[in-house]
């Protein structure tokens, strides 16, 4: 089984969220408009082997929502969660970081292929 990369499909789906400035495959640089989403791979590993071959792959992705305020963050994160579940992913955790000027909501999702 080939190494899977679902990031392009995830980014394309998240790009349609109303009010979202951008969905990115890497950390936003200075001057990136908010709200934005960053998608990064958290895990890509064999989940099952049969006949000396990988038969099932576990994929995990972080979806990070950067926003200027709590209401904006909540709305974008909720829409992102609906989209990720529609793509067949299950949320395994979520947490917020409001220690900087921009708020960040971090969610991790898992699926098996």
PDB file of N, CA and C in Angstrom:
ATOM      1  N   UNK A   1       0.857  -1.171   0.000  1.00  0.00           N
ATOM      2  CA  UNK A   1       0.000   0.000   0.000  1.00  0.00           C
ATOM      3  C   UNK A   1       0.902   1.232   0.000  1.00  0.00           C
ATOM      4  N   UNK A   2       0.621   2.182  -0.843  1.00  0.00           N
ATOM      5  CA  UNK A   2       1.424   3.397  -0.952  1.00  0.00           C
ATOM      6  C   UNK A   2       1.167   4.327   0.231  1.00  0.00           C
ATOM      7  N   UNK A   3       2.126   5.173   0.477  1.00  0.00           N
ATOM      8  CA  UNK A   3       1.986   6.184   1.517  1.00  0.00           C
ATOM      9  C   UNK A   3       0.862   7.140   1.120  1.00  0.00           C
ATOM     10  N   UNK A   4      -0.075   7.359   2.015  1.00  0.00           N
ATOM     11  CA  UNK A   4      -1.240   8.200   1.727  1.00  0.00           C
ATOM     12  C   UNK A   4      -0.979   9.654   2.112  1.00  0.00           C
ATOM     13  N   UNK A   5      -1.528  10.566   1.326  1.00  0.00           N
ATOM     14  CA  UNK A   5      -1.497  11.991   1.644  1.00  0.00           C
ATOM     15  C   UNK A   5      -2.881  12.551   1.351  1.00  0.00           C
ATOM     16  N   UNK A   6      -3.654  12.782   2.399  1.00  0.00           N
ATOM     17  CA  UNK A   6      -5.026  13.275   2.250  1.00  0.00           C
ATOM     18  C   UNK A   6      -5.105  14.785   2.454  1.00  0.00           C
ATOM     19  N   UNK A   7      -3.963  15.422   2.689  1.00  0.00           N
ATOM     20  CA  UNK A   7      -3.948  16.859   2.980  1.00  0.00           C
ATOM     21  C   UNK A   7      -4.569  17.695   1.855  1.00  0.00           C
ATOM     22  N   UNK A   8      -4.257  17.444   0.573  1.00  0.00           N
ATOM     23  CA  UNK A   8      -4.880  18.265  -0.482  1.00  0.00           C
ATOM     24  C   UNK A   8      -6.409  18.189  -0.487  1.00  0.00           C
ATOM     25  N   UNK A   9      -6.963  17.008  -0.253  1.00  0.00           N
ATOM     26  CA  UNK A   9      -8.424  16.848  -0.220  1.00  0.00           C
ATOM     27  C   UNK A   9      -9.022  17.587   0.980  1.00  0.00           C
ATOM     28  N   UNK A  10      -8.356  17.504   2.125  1.00  0.00           N
ATOM     29  CA  UNK A  10      -8.831  18.186   3.330  1.00  0.00           C
ATOM     30  C   UNK A  10      -8.806  19.696   3.126  1.00  0.00           C
ATOM     31  N   UNK A  11      -7.700  20.210   2.631  1.00  0.00           N
ATOM     32  CA  UNK A  11      -7.575  21.653   2.415  1.00  0.00           C
ATOM     33  C   UNK A  11      -8.623  22.141   1.423  1.00  0.00           C
ATOM     34  N   UNK A  12      -8.845  21.390   0.351  1.00  0.00           N
ATOM     35  CA  UNK A  12      -9.854  21.786  -0.638  1.00  0.00           C
ATOM     36  C   UNK A  12     -11.239  21.856  -0.008  1.00  0.00           C
ATOM     37  N   UNK A  13     -11.562  20.902   0.855  1.00  0.00           N
ATOM     38  CA  UNK A  13     -12.880  20.892   1.504  1.00  0.00           C
ATOM     39  C   UNK A  13     -13.019  22.038   2.500  1.00  0.00           C
ATOM     40  N   UNK A  14     -11.978  22.307   3.273  1.00  0.00           N
ATOM     41  CA  UNK A  14     -12.035  23.362   4.283  1.00  0.00           C
ATOM     42  C   UNK A  14     -12.050  24.755   3.665  1.00  0.00           C
ATOM     43  N   UNK A  15     -11.508  24.897   2.481  1.00  0.00           N
ATOM     44  CA  UNK A  15     -11.448  26.199   1.812  1.00  0.00           C
ATOM     45  C   UNK A  15     -12.844  26.793   1.595  1.00  0.00           C
ATOM     46  N   UNK A  16     -13.862  25.958   1.533  1.00  0.00           N
ATOM     47  CA  UNK A  16     -15.224  26.434   1.305  1.00  0.00           C
ATOM     48  C   UNK A  16     -15.941  26.990   2.519  1.00  0.00           C
ATOM     49  N   UNK A  17     -15.299  27.047   3.671  1.00  0.00           N
ATOM     50  CA  UNK A  17     -15.954  27.545   4.885  1.00  0.00           C
ATOM     51  C   UNK A  17     -16.215  29.052   4.728  1.00  0.00           C
ATOM     52  N   UNK A  18     -17.468  29.480   4.898  1.00  0.00           N
ATOM     53  CA  UNK A  18     -17.780  30.911   4.805  1.00  0.00           C
ATOM     54  C   UNK A  18     -16.985  31.734   5.818  1.00  0.00           C
ATOM     55  N   UNK A  19     -16.401  32.821   5.358  1.00  0.00           N
ATOM     56  CA  UNK A  19     -15.648  33.715   6.227  1.00  0.00           C
ATOM     57  C   UNK A  19     -14.195  33.346   6.407  1.00  0.00           C
ATOM     58  N   UNK A  20     -13.781  32.177   5.936  1.00  0.00           N
ATOM     59  CA  UNK A  20     -12.397  31.745   6.087  1.00  0.00           C
ATOM     60  C   UNK A  20     -11.531  32.450   5.053  1.00  0.00           C
ATOM     61  N   UNK A  21     -10.419  33.048   5.500  1.00  0.00           N
ATOM     62  CA  UNK A  21      -9.516  33.727   4.565  1.00  0.00           C
ATOM     63  C   UNK A  21      -8.730  32.718   3.734  1.00  0.00           C
ATOM     64  N   UNK A  22      -8.145  31.707   4.390  1.00  0.00           N
ATOM     65  CA  UNK A  22      -7.333  30.713   3.680  1.00  0.00           C
ATOM     66  C   UNK A  22      -7.241  29.423   4.481  1.00  0.00           C
ATOM     67  N   UNK A  23      -7.027  28.324   3.763  1.00  0.00           N
ATOM     68  CA  UNK A  23      -6.634  27.050   4.364  1.00  0.00           C
ATOM     69  C   UNK A  23      -5.246  26.758   3.832  1.00  0.00           C
ATOM     70  N   UNK A  24      -4.320  26.446   4.723  1.00  0.00           N
ATOM     71  CA  UNK A  24      -2.904  26.346   4.369  1.00  0.00           C
ATOM     72  C   UNK A  24      -2.319  24.981   4.732  1.00  0.00           C
ATOM     73  N   UNK A  25      -1.293  24.542   3.988  1.00  0.00           N
ATOM     74  CA  UNK A  25      -0.612  23.285   4.322  1.00  0.00           C
ATOM     75  C   UNK A  25       0.567  23.470   5.271  1.00  0.00           C
ATOM     76  N   UNK A  26       0.827  24.711   5.716  1.00  0.00           N
ATOM     77  CA  UNK A  26       1.953  24.992   6.604  1.00  0.00           C
ATOM     78  C   UNK A  26       1.604  26.180   7.492  1.00  0.00           C
ATOM     79  N   UNK A  27       2.416  26.414   8.513  1.00  0.00           N
ATOM     80  CA  UNK A  27       2.174  27.500   9.448  1.00  0.00           C
ATOM     81  C   UNK A  27       2.025  28.825   8.722  1.00  0.00           C
ATOM     82  N   UNK A  28       1.071  29.667   9.175  1.00  0.00           N
ATOM     83  CA  UNK A  28       0.898  30.967   8.526  1.00  0.00           C
ATOM     84  C   UNK A  28       2.088  31.882   8.820  1.00  0.00           C
ATOM     85  N   UNK A  29       2.463  32.653   7.826  1.00  0.00           N
ATOM     86  CA  UNK A  29       3.550  33.602   8.015  1.00  0.00           C
ATOM     87  C   UNK A  29       3.018  34.938   8.500  1.00  0.00           C
ATOM     88  N   UNK A  30       3.914  35.832   8.787  1.00  0.00           N
ATOM     89  CA  UNK A  30       3.507  37.180   9.180  1.00  0.00           C
ATOM     90  C   UNK A  30       2.690  37.791   8.058  1.00  0.00           C
ATOM     91  N   UNK A  31       1.599  38.414   8.405  1.00  0.00           N
ATOM     92  CA  UNK A  31       0.755  39.054   7.408  1.00  0.00           C
ATOM     93  C   UNK A  31      -0.338  38.167   6.848  1.00  0.00           C
ATOM     94  N   UNK A  32      -0.411  36.911   7.280  1.00  0.00           N
ATOM     95  CA  UNK A  32      -1.487  36.029   6.827  1.00  0.00           C
ATOM     96  C   UNK A  32      -2.807  36.532   7.410  1.00  0.00           C
ATOM     97  N   UNK A  33      -3.808  36.657   6.559  1.00  0.00           N
ATOM     98  CA  UNK A  33      -5.123  37.125   7.003  1.00  0.00           C
ATOM     99  C   UNK A  33      -5.808  36.048   7.841  1.00  0.00           C
ATOM    100  N   UNK A  34      -6.438  36.474   8.921  1.00  0.00           N
ATOM    101  CA  UNK A  34      -7.230  35.585   9.771  1.00  0.00           C
ATOM    102  C   UNK A  34      -8.707  35.819   9.488  1.00  0.00           C
ATOM    103  N   UNK A  35      -9.557  34.846   9.677  1.00  0.00           N
ATOM    104  CA  UNK A  35      -9.253  33.516  10.171  1.00  0.00           C
ATOM    105  C   UNK A  35      -8.638  32.647   9.077  1.00  0.00           C
ATOM    106  N   UNK A  36      -7.743  31.773   9.511  1.00  0.00           N
ATOM    107  CA  UNK A  36      -7.169  30.804   8.581  1.00  0.00           C
ATOM    108  C   UNK A  36      -7.079  29.462   9.287  1.00  0.00           C
ATOM    109  N   UNK A  37      -6.910  28.431   8.476  1.00  0.00           N
ATOM    110  CA  UNK A  37      -6.769  27.066   8.979  1.00  0.00           C
ATOM    111  C   UNK A  37      -5.458  26.511   8.462  1.00  0.00           C
ATOM    112  N   UNK A  38      -4.735  25.807   9.328  1.00  0.00           N
ATOM    113  CA  UNK A  38      -3.520  25.103   8.941  1.00  0.00           C
ATOM    114  C   UNK A  38      -3.769  23.612   9.152  1.00  0.00           C
ATOM    115  N   UNK A  39      -3.473  22.817   8.124  1.00  0.00           N
ATOM    116  CA  UNK A  39      -3.640  21.363   8.192  1.00  0.00           C
ATOM    117  C   UNK A  39      -2.249  20.736   8.168  1.00  0.00           C
ATOM    118  N   UNK A  40      -1.964  19.882   9.150  1.00  0.00           N
ATOM    119  CA  UNK A  40      -0.675  19.197   9.182  1.00  0.00           C
ATOM    120  C   UNK A  40      -0.869  17.735   9.581  1.00  0.00           C
ATOM    121  N   UNK A  41      -0.023  16.900   9.017  1.00  0.00           N
ATOM    122  CA  UNK A  41      -0.107  15.461   9.291  1.00  0.00           C
ATOM    123  C   UNK A  41       0.418  15.168  10.694  1.00  0.00           C
ATOM    124  N   UNK A  42      -0.341  14.393  11.448  1.00  0.00           N
ATOM    125  CA  UNK A  42       0.062  13.999  12.796  1.00  0.00           C
ATOM    126  C   UNK A  42       0.556  12.552  12.827  1.00  0.00           C
ATOM    127  N   UNK A  43      -0.022  11.696  11.993  1.00  0.00           N
ATOM    128  CA  UNK A  43       0.397  10.293  11.939  1.00  0.00           C
ATOM    129  C   UNK A  43       0.003   9.701  10.594  1.00  0.00           C
ATOM    130  N   UNK A  44       0.834   8.791  10.131  1.00  0.00           N
ATOM    131  CA  UNK A  44       0.595   8.068   8.880  1.00  0.00           C
ATOM    132  C   UNK A  44       1.292   6.730   9.071  1.00  0.00           C
ATOM    133  N   UNK A  45       0.528   5.751   9.576  1.00  0.00           N
ATOM    134  CA  UNK A  45       1.187   4.505   9.957  1.00  0.00           C
ATOM    135  C   UNK A  45       0.343   3.290   9.617  1.00  0.00           C
ATOM    136  N   UNK A  46       1.013   2.158   9.428  1.00  0.00           N
ATOM    137  CA  UNK A  46       0.276   0.923   9.177  1.00  0.00           C
ATOM    138  C   UNK A  46      -0.583   0.566  10.384  1.00  0.00           C
ATOM    139  N   UNK A  47      -1.826   0.186  10.124  1.00  0.00           N
ATOM    140  CA  UNK A  47      -2.728  -0.219  11.205  1.00  0.00           C
ATOM    141  C   UNK A  47      -3.013  -1.716  11.160  1.00  0.00           C
ATOM    142  N   UNK A  48      -2.740  -2.347  10.010  1.00  0.00           N
ATOM    143  CA  UNK A  48      -2.968  -3.792   9.889  1.00  0.00           C
ATOM    144  C   UNK A  48      -2.112  -4.335   8.756  1.00  0.00           C
ATOM    145  N   UNK A  49      -1.499  -5.492   9.010  1.00  0.00           N
ATOM    146  CA  UNK A  49      -0.706  -6.198   7.999  1.00  0.00           C
ATOM    147  C   UNK A  49      -1.307  -7.574   7.757  1.00  0.00           C
ATOM    148  N   UNK A  50      -1.346  -7.959   6.522  1.00  0.00           N
ATOM    149  CA  UNK A  50      -1.757  -9.317   6.145  1.00  0.00           C
ATOM    150  C   UNK A  50      -0.883  -9.750   4.985  1.00  0.00           C
ATOM    151  N   UNK A  51      -0.445 -10.996   5.026  1.00  0.00           N
ATOM    152  CA  UNK A  51       0.407 -11.530   3.961  1.00  0.00           C
ATOM    153  C   UNK A  51       1.606 -10.629   3.710  1.00  0.00           C
ATOM    154  N   UNK A  52       2.210 -10.158   4.794  1.00  0.00           N
ATOM    155  CA  UNK A  52       3.399  -9.311   4.734  1.00  0.00           C
ATOM    156  C   UNK A  52       3.188  -7.991   3.998  1.00  0.00           C
ATOM    157  N   UNK A  53       1.951  -7.512   3.964  1.00  0.00           N
ATOM    158  CA  UNK A  53       1.653  -6.239   3.307  1.00  0.00           C
ATOM    159  C   UNK A  53       0.770  -5.383   4.213  1.00  0.00           C
ATOM    160  N   UNK A  54       0.974  -4.092   4.107  1.00  0.00           N
ATOM    161  CA  UNK A  54       0.110  -3.159   4.825  1.00  0.00           C
ATOM    162  C   UNK A  54      -1.264  -3.173   4.159  1.00  0.00           C
ATOM    163  N   UNK A  55      -2.291  -3.457   4.930  1.00  0.00           N
ATOM    164  CA  UNK A  55      -3.653  -3.515   4.389  1.00  0.00           C
ATOM    165  C   UNK A  55      -4.515  -2.339   4.838  1.00  0.00           C
ATOM    166  N   UNK A  56      -4.218  -1.804   6.019  1.00  0.00           N
ATOM    167  CA  UNK A  56      -4.976  -0.672   6.555  1.00  0.00           C
ATOM    168  C   UNK A  56      -3.970   0.361   7.054  1.00  0.00           C
ATOM    169  N   UNK A  57      -4.240   1.630   6.723  1.00  0.00           N
ATOM    170  CA  UNK A  57      -3.384   2.732   7.151  1.00  0.00           C
ATOM    171  C   UNK A  57      -4.178   3.646   8.080  1.00  0.00           C
ATOM    172  N   UNK A  58      -3.549   4.034   9.172  1.00  0.00           N
ATOM    173  CA  UNK A  58      -4.135   5.016  10.084  1.00  0.00           C
ATOM    174  C   UNK A  58      -3.582   6.390   9.726  1.00  0.00           C
ATOM    175  N   UNK A  59      -4.477   7.325   9.462  1.00  0.00           N
ATOM    176  CA  UNK A  59      -4.090   8.703   9.183  1.00  0.00           C
ATOM    177  C   UNK A  59      -4.629   9.615  10.273  1.00  0.00           C
ATOM    178  N   UNK A  60      -3.804  10.551  10.720  1.00  0.00           N
ATOM    179  CA  UNK A  60      -4.244  11.575  11.653  1.00  0.00           C
ATOM    180  C   UNK A  60      -3.758  12.928  11.145  1.00  0.00           C
ATOM    181  N   UNK A  61      -4.627  13.919  11.263  1.00  0.00           N
ATOM    182  CA  UNK A  61      -4.289  15.282  10.863  1.00  0.00           C
ATOM    183  C   UNK A  61      -4.680  16.258  11.957  1.00  0.00           C
ATOM    184  N   UNK A  62      -3.825  17.265  12.140  1.00  0.00           N
ATOM    185  CA  UNK A  62      -4.172  18.401  12.978  1.00  0.00           C
ATOM    186  C   UNK A  62      -4.841  19.445  12.096  1.00  0.00           C
ATOM    187  N   UNK A  63      -5.928  20.005  12.587  1.00  0.00           N
ATOM    188  CA  UNK A  63      -6.592  21.131  11.951  1.00  0.00           C
ATOM    189  C   UNK A  63      -6.541  22.255  12.976  1.00  0.00           C
ATOM    190  N   UNK A  64      -5.770  23.297  12.637  1.00  0.00           N
ATOM    191  CA  UNK A  64      -5.580  24.428  13.549  1.00  0.00           C
ATOM    192  C   UNK A  64      -6.313  25.644  12.998  1.00  0.00           C
ATOM    193  N   UNK A  65      -7.206  26.183  13.796  1.00  0.00           N
ATOM    194  CA  UNK A  65      -7.968  27.373  13.407  1.00  0.00           C
ATOM    195  C   UNK A  65      -7.355  28.577  14.106  1.00  0.00           C
ATOM    196  N   UNK A  66      -6.884  29.538  13.323  1.00  0.00           N
ATOM    197  CA  UNK A  66      -6.353  30.791  13.857  1.00  0.00           C
ATOM    198  C   UNK A  66      -7.390  31.879  13.599  1.00  0.00           C
ATOM    199  N   UNK A  67      -7.742  32.616  14.652  1.00  0.00           N
ATOM    200  CA  UNK A  67      -8.765  33.661  14.523  1.00  0.00           C
ATOM    201  C   UNK A  67      -8.440  34.809  15.471  1.00  0.00           C
ATOM    202  N   UNK A  68      -9.088  35.942  15.222  1.00  0.00           N
ATOM    203  CA  UNK A  68      -8.861  37.125  16.048  1.00  0.00           C
ATOM    204  C   UNK A  68      -9.710  37.143  17.308  1.00  0.00           C
ATOM    205  N   UNK A  69     -10.844  36.457  17.307  1.00  0.00           N
ATOM    206  CA  UNK A  69     -11.728  36.477  18.465  1.00  0.00           C
ATOM    207  C   UNK A  69     -12.384  35.137  18.713  1.00  0.00           C
ATOM    208  N   UNK A  70     -12.987  35.001  19.879  1.00  0.00           N
ATOM    209  CA  UNK A  70     -13.589  33.735  20.295  1.00  0.00           C
ATOM    210  C   UNK A  70     -14.773  33.331  19.425  1.00  0.00           C
ATOM    211  N   UNK A  71     -15.643  34.271  19.079  1.00  0.00           N
ATOM    212  CA  UNK A  71     -16.824  33.934  18.283  1.00  0.00           C
ATOM    213  C   UNK A  71     -16.422  33.468  16.888  1.00  0.00           C
ATOM    214  N   UNK A  72     -15.482  34.176  16.284  1.00  0.00           N
ATOM    215  CA  UNK A  72     -14.989  33.806  14.958  1.00  0.00           C
ATOM    216  C   UNK A  72     -14.330  32.425  14.999  1.00  0.00           C
ATOM    217  N   UNK A  73     -13.531  32.187  16.012  1.00  0.00           N
ATOM    218  CA  UNK A  73     -12.850  30.906  16.175  1.00  0.00           C
ATOM    219  C   UNK A  73     -13.856  29.769  16.319  1.00  0.00           C
ATOM    220  N   UNK A  74     -14.855  29.968  17.143  1.00  0.00           N
ATOM    221  CA  UNK A  74     -15.864  28.939  17.390  1.00  0.00           C
ATOM    222  C   UNK A  74     -16.638  28.598  16.121  1.00  0.00           C
ATOM    223  N   UNK A  75     -17.025  29.610  15.369  1.00  0.00           N
ATOM    224  CA  UNK A  75     -17.798  29.390  14.141  1.00  0.00           C
ATOM    225  C   UNK A  75     -16.972  28.624  13.105  1.00  0.00           C
ATOM    226  N   UNK A  76     -15.726  29.024  12.890  1.00  0.00           N
ATOM    227  CA  UNK A  76     -14.860  28.371  11.905  1.00  0.00           C
ATOM    228  C   UNK A  76     -14.532  26.950  12.357  1.00  0.00           C
ATOM    229  N   UNK A  77     -14.236  26.761  13.642  1.00  0.00           N
ATOM    230  CA  UNK A  77     -13.899  25.431  14.158  1.00  0.00           C
ATOM    231  C   UNK A  77     -15.081  24.476  14.038  1.00  0.00           C
ATOM    232  N   UNK A  78     -16.270  24.953  14.324  1.00  0.00           N
ATOM    233  CA  UNK A  78     -17.466  24.116  14.209  1.00  0.00           C
ATOM    234  C   UNK A  78     -17.695  23.676  12.760  1.00  0.00           C
ATOM    235  N   UNK A  79     -17.533  24.611  11.820  1.00  0.00           N
ATOM    236  CA  UNK A  79     -17.694  24.272  10.403  1.00  0.00           C
ATOM    237  C   UNK A  79     -16.615  23.286   9.964  1.00  0.00           C
ATOM    238  N   UNK A  80     -15.381  23.482  10.425  1.00  0.00           N
ATOM    239  CA  UNK A  80     -14.289  22.570  10.083  1.00  0.00           C
ATOM    240  C   UNK A  80     -14.558  21.168  10.626  1.00  0.00           C
ATOM    241  N   UNK A  81     -15.089  21.096  11.846  1.00  0.00           N
ATOM    242  CA  UNK A  81     -15.404  19.802  12.445  1.00  0.00           C
ATOM    243  C   UNK A  81     -16.451  19.060  11.612  1.00  0.00           C
ATOM    244  N   UNK A  82     -17.490  19.758  11.177  1.00  0.00           N
ATOM    245  CA  UNK A  82     -18.519  19.137  10.334  1.00  0.00           C
ATOM    246  C   UNK A  82     -17.914  18.610   9.037  1.00  0.00           C
ATOM    247  N   UNK A  83     -17.031  19.392   8.429  1.00  0.00           N
ATOM    248  CA  UNK A  83     -16.410  18.979   7.168  1.00  0.00           C
ATOM    249  C   UNK A  83     -15.514  17.770   7.378  1.00  0.00           C
ATOM    250  N   UNK A  84     -14.699  17.790   8.421  1.00  0.00           N
ATOM    251  CA  UNK A  84     -13.801  16.652   8.669  1.00  0.00           C
ATOM    252  C   UNK A  84     -14.594  15.367   8.914  1.00  0.00           C
ATOM    253  N   UNK A  85     -15.679  15.452   9.664  1.00  0.00           N
ATOM    254  CA  UNK A  85     -16.498  14.264   9.885  1.00  0.00           C
ATOM    255  C   UNK A  85     -17.141  13.799   8.577  1.00  0.00           C
ATOM    256  N   UNK A  86     -17.529  14.750   7.717  1.00  0.00           N
ATOM    257  CA  UNK A  86     -18.077  14.404   6.415  1.00  0.00           C
ATOM    258  C   UNK A  86     -17.067  13.724   5.511  1.00  0.00           C
ATOM    259  N   UNK A  87     -15.772  13.986   5.739  1.00  0.00           N
ATOM    260  CA  UNK A  87     -14.708  13.331   4.979  1.00  0.00           C
ATOM    261  C   UNK A  87     -14.348  11.959   5.548  1.00  0.00           C
ATOM    262  N   UNK A  88     -15.012  11.572   6.638  1.00  0.00           N
ATOM    263  CA  UNK A  88     -14.775  10.249   7.220  1.00  0.00           C
ATOM    264  C   UNK A  88     -13.804  10.232   8.389  1.00  0.00           C
ATOM    265  N   UNK A  89     -13.481  11.390   8.928  1.00  0.00           N
ATOM    266  CA  UNK A  89     -12.561  11.482  10.060  1.00  0.00           C
ATOM    267  C   UNK A  89     -13.333  11.601  11.368  1.00  0.00           C
ATOM    268  N   UNK A  90     -12.738  11.075  12.436  1.00  0.00           N
ATOM    269  CA  UNK A  90     -13.288  11.216  13.790  1.00  0.00           C
ATOM    270  C   UNK A  90     -12.358  12.119  14.594  1.00  0.00           C
ATOM    271  N   UNK A  91     -12.939  13.069  15.330  1.00  0.00           N
ATOM    272  CA  UNK A  91     -12.139  13.946  16.181  1.00  0.00           C
ATOM    273  C   UNK A  91     -11.653  13.154  17.382  1.00  0.00           C
ATOM    274  N   UNK A  92     -10.348  13.195  17.647  1.00  0.00           N
ATOM    275  CA  UNK A  92      -9.782  12.474  18.785  1.00  0.00           C
ATOM    276  C   UNK A  92      -9.475  13.397  19.961  1.00  0.00           C
ATOM    277  N   UNK A  93      -9.358  14.706  19.672  1.00  0.00           N
ATOM    278  CA  UNK A  93      -9.128  15.677  20.744  1.00  0.00           C
ATOM    279  C   UNK A  93      -9.241  17.075  20.185  1.00  0.00           C
ATOM    280  N   UNK A  94      -9.408  18.031  21.081  1.00  0.00           N
ATOM    281  CA  UNK A  94      -9.424  19.450  20.718  1.00  0.00           C
ATOM    282  C   UNK A  94      -8.995  20.258  21.937  1.00  0.00           C
ATOM    283  N   UNK A  95      -8.313  21.361  21.693  1.00  0.00           N
ATOM    284  CA  UNK A  95      -7.930  22.272  22.760  1.00  0.00           C
ATOM    285  C   UNK A  95      -7.725  23.659  22.184  1.00  0.00           C
ATOM    286  N   UNK A  96      -7.771  24.662  23.057  1.00  0.00           N
ATOM    287  CA  UNK A  96      -7.619  26.053  22.647  1.00  0.00           C
ATOM    288  C   UNK A  96      -6.355  26.649  23.250  1.00  0.00           C
ATOM    289  N   UNK A  97      -5.767  27.571  22.496  1.00  0.00           N
ATOM    290  CA  UNK A  97      -4.632  28.333  22.988  1.00  0.00           C
ATOM    291  C   UNK A  97      -4.932  29.801  22.734  1.00  0.00           C
ATOM    292  N   UNK A  98      -5.124  30.545  23.791  1.00  0.00           N
ATOM    293  CA  UNK A  98      -5.390  31.979  23.649  1.00  0.00           C
ATOM    294  C   UNK A  98      -4.299  32.795  24.342  1.00  0.00           C
ATOM    295  N   UNK A  99      -3.084  32.238  24.356  1.00  0.00           N
ATOM    296  CA  UNK A  99      -1.979  32.904  25.040  1.00  0.00           C
ATOM    297  C   UNK A  99      -1.340  34.011  24.198  1.00  0.00           C
ATOM    298  N   UNK A 100      -1.655  34.045  22.910  1.00  0.00           N
ATOM    299  CA  UNK A 100      -1.102  35.076  22.026  1.00  0.00           C
ATOM    300  C   UNK A 100      -2.231  35.989  21.555  1.00  0.00           C
ATOM    301  N   UNK A 101      -1.880  36.964  20.735  1.00  0.00           N
ATOM    302  CA  UNK A 101      -2.898  37.882  20.224  1.00  0.00           C
ATOM    303  C   UNK A 101      -3.926  37.147  19.381  1.00  0.00           C
ATOM    304  N   UNK A 102      -3.475  36.241  18.533  1.00  0.00           N
ATOM    305  CA  UNK A 102      -4.388  35.427  17.734  1.00  0.00           C
ATOM    306  C   UNK A 102      -4.784  34.193  18.533  1.00  0.00           C
ATOM    307  N   UNK A 103      -6.051  33.868  18.491  1.00  0.00           N
ATOM    308  CA  UNK A 103      -6.537  32.666  19.177  1.00  0.00           C
ATOM    309  C   UNK A 103      -6.318  31.460  18.273  1.00  0.00           C
ATOM    310  N   UNK A 104      -6.069  30.310  18.882  1.00  0.00           N
ATOM    311  CA  UNK A 104      -5.867  29.086  18.125  1.00  0.00           C
ATOM    312  C   UNK A 104      -6.711  27.966  18.728  1.00  0.00           C
ATOM    313  N   UNK A 105      -7.442  27.252  17.886  1.00  0.00           N
ATOM    314  CA  UNK A 105      -8.169  26.049  18.295  1.00  0.00           C
ATOM    315  C   UNK A 105      -7.521  24.909  17.543  1.00  0.00           C
ATOM    316  N   UNK A 106      -7.042  23.908  18.261  1.00  0.00           N
ATOM    317  CA  UNK A 106      -6.350  22.771  17.674  1.00  0.00           C
ATOM    318  C   UNK A 106      -7.254  21.550  17.801  1.00  0.00           C
ATOM    319  N   UNK A 107      -7.482  20.880  16.677  1.00  0.00           N
ATOM    320  CA  UNK A 107      -8.296  19.665  16.676  1.00  0.00           C
ATOM    321  C   UNK A 107      -7.496  18.586  15.942  1.00  0.00           C
ATOM    322  N   UNK A 108      -7.573  17.357  16.455  1.00  0.00           N
ATOM    323  CA  UNK A 108      -6.901  16.240  15.786  1.00  0.00           C
ATOM    324  C   UNK A 108      -7.949  15.239  15.331  1.00  0.00           C
ATOM    325  N   UNK A 109      -7.758  14.733  14.117  1.00  0.00           N
ATOM    326  CA  UNK A 109      -8.720  13.812  13.499  1.00  0.00           C
ATOM    327  C   UNK A 109      -8.028  12.552  13.024  1.00  0.00           C
ATOM    328  N   UNK A 110      -8.772  11.439  13.064  1.00  0.00           N
ATOM    329  CA  UNK A 110      -8.230  10.138  12.662  1.00  0.00           C
ATOM    330  C   UNK A 110      -9.188   9.420  11.728  1.00  0.00           C
ATOM    331  N   UNK A 111      -8.595   8.699  10.775  1.00  0.00           N
ATOM    332  CA  UNK A 111      -9.371   7.808   9.914  1.00  0.00           C
ATOM    333  C   UNK A 111      -8.511   6.611   9.560  1.00  0.00           C
ATOM    334  N   UNK A 112      -9.138   5.579   9.032  1.00  0.00           N
ATOM    335  CA  UNK A 112      -8.433   4.381   8.586  1.00  0.00           C
ATOM    336  C   UNK A 112      -8.781   4.129   7.132  1.00  0.00           C
ATOM    337  N   UNK A 113      -7.762   3.872   6.341  1.00  0.00           N
ATOM    338  CA  UNK A 113      -7.950   3.561   4.919  1.00  0.00           C
ATOM    339  C   UNK A 113      -7.507   2.139   4.631  1.00  0.00           C
TER     340      UNK A 113
END
